[in-house]
Amino acid sequence: MTRLALVVVLVAACGGGGGSSDVPAIDAPAGPKCTGAVFDVCTANAECMSNNCHLFRMAGFSVCTAACTPGDNTTCPVDSTGVNGFCNNMGICKPAAPNDCSP
């Protein structure tokens, strides 16, 4: 009987009732806020100073981007890796990775 009471107390204390837990979620520290600069993370054109938010589906990210001369990477801004972004055949600059910021 004592063991059963102990189990009931432990289950109740650990939230084992299958309902919602009263334990608050721990938020990760927020990085710097995106400002809409080229290569900042975005979800809509209005979030970008260039008014051009582009989803690079194969890379798995969406960033503010700029127009460039196809095939000429020097017409793209420098990305977070320290080199110019890649200017694709559509004349859109693509970074190696998005800027380290949160939308």
Protein backbone atom coordinates (compact mmCIF):
# COMPACT_ATOMS: atom_id res chain seq x y z
CA MET A 1 0.00 0.00 0.00
CA THR A 2 2.86 2.38 0.81
CA ARG A 3 4.43 1.75 -2.59
CA LEU A 4 1.14 2.50 -4.34
CA ALA A 5 0.81 5.80 -2.47
CA LEU A 6 4.40 6.69 -3.40
CA VAL A 7 3.74 5.93 -7.07
CA VAL A 8 0.57 8.05 -7.06
CA VAL A 9 2.43 10.98 -5.46
CA LEU A 10 5.31 10.73 -7.96
CA VAL A 11 3.00 10.51 -10.97
CA ALA A 12 1.01 13.52 -9.79
CA ALA A 13 4.19 15.50 -9.10
CA CYS A 14 5.61 14.73 -12.53
CA GLY A 15 2.44 15.60 -14.39
CA GLY A 16 1.79 12.04 -15.48
CA GLY A 17 -1.95 12.56 -15.70
CA GLY A 18 -1.81 13.01 -19.48
CA GLY A 19 -3.03 16.62 -19.28
CA SER A 20 -1.14 19.81 -19.92
CA SER A 21 1.91 20.52 -17.81
CA ASP A 22 2.25 23.57 -15.61
CA VAL A 23 5.99 23.70 -16.31
CA PRO A 24 6.73 26.85 -18.32
CA ALA A 25 8.61 26.51 -21.60
CA ILE A 26 12.18 27.78 -21.60
CA ASP A 27 12.76 30.35 -24.33
CA ALA A 28 16.07 30.30 -26.14
CA PRO A 29 17.89 33.61 -26.06
CA ALA A 30 16.85 35.68 -29.04
CA GLY A 31 19.52 36.66 -31.55
CA PRO A 32 19.68 40.11 -33.03
CA LYS A 33 16.49 41.25 -34.72
CA CYS A 34 16.56 41.21 -38.53
CA THR A 35 16.45 44.71 -40.02
CA GLY A 36 15.52 43.84 -43.60
CA ALA A 37 19.10 44.06 -44.84
CA VAL A 38 20.18 41.90 -47.77
CA PHE A 39 20.46 38.23 -46.69
CA ASP A 40 18.35 38.74 -43.52
CA VAL A 41 15.73 36.04 -42.89
CA CYS A 42 12.25 37.00 -44.15
CA THR A 43 8.80 35.65 -44.98
CA ALA A 44 7.37 38.54 -47.06
CA ASN A 45 8.64 41.25 -49.41
CA ALA A 46 7.52 44.01 -47.02
CA GLU A 47 10.08 42.78 -44.45
CA CYS A 48 12.97 43.67 -46.78
CA MET A 49 14.54 47.06 -47.53
CA SER A 50 14.92 45.76 -51.11
CA ASN A 51 11.24 44.71 -51.09
CA ASN A 52 12.46 41.34 -52.39
CA CYS A 53 12.10 38.30 -50.12
CA HIS A 54 13.08 35.14 -51.99
CA LEU A 55 12.63 31.51 -50.99
CA PHE A 56 15.60 29.36 -51.96
CA ARG A 57 13.70 26.09 -51.70
CA MET A 58 16.63 23.72 -52.24
CA ALA A 59 18.77 25.58 -49.67
CA GLY A 60 15.90 25.60 -47.18
CA PHE A 61 15.80 29.30 -46.37
CA SER A 62 14.09 32.53 -47.35
CA VAL A 63 16.06 35.79 -47.28
CA CYS A 64 15.93 39.40 -48.39
CA THR A 65 17.89 39.56 -51.61
CA ALA A 66 19.03 41.96 -54.30
CA ALA A 67 19.23 42.01 -58.09
CA CYS A 68 22.57 41.22 -59.72
CA THR A 69 24.17 40.57 -63.09
CA PRO A 70 23.75 36.83 -63.86
CA GLY A 71 27.07 35.00 -63.61
CA ASP A 72 28.86 37.96 -61.95
CA ASN A 73 29.05 37.29 -58.21
CA THR A 74 30.85 40.60 -57.63
CA THR A 75 27.47 42.31 -58.19
CA CYS A 76 26.14 40.62 -55.01
CA PRO A 77 26.77 41.87 -51.47
CA VAL A 78 29.07 39.96 -49.13
CA ASP A 79 27.22 37.26 -47.15
CA SER A 80 27.76 35.95 -43.61
CA THR A 81 30.68 33.76 -44.78
CA GLY A 82 32.63 36.84 -45.91
CA VAL A 83 32.34 36.28 -49.67
CA ASN A 84 29.99 37.69 -52.27
CA GLY A 85 26.69 35.90 -52.66
CA PHE A 86 26.07 33.79 -55.76
CA CYS A 87 24.32 35.56 -58.64
CA ASN A 88 22.06 32.97 -60.26
CA ASN A 89 20.71 32.93 -63.84
CA MET A 90 17.58 34.81 -62.74
CA GLY A 91 19.71 37.74 -61.54
CA ILE A 92 19.03 37.10 -57.83
CA CYS A 93 21.77 37.06 -55.20
CA LYS A 94 21.85 33.93 -53.03
CA PRO A 95 23.97 33.74 -49.87
CA ALA A 96 25.73 30.61 -48.65
CA ALA A 97 23.64 31.06 -45.47
CA PRO A 98 21.23 33.67 -44.11
CA ASN A 99 22.42 36.42 -41.76
CA ASP A 100 22.35 35.39 -38.10
CA CYS A 101 19.20 37.22 -37.01
CA SER A 102 15.61 36.46 -36.12
CA PRO A 103 12.57 37.88 -37.91
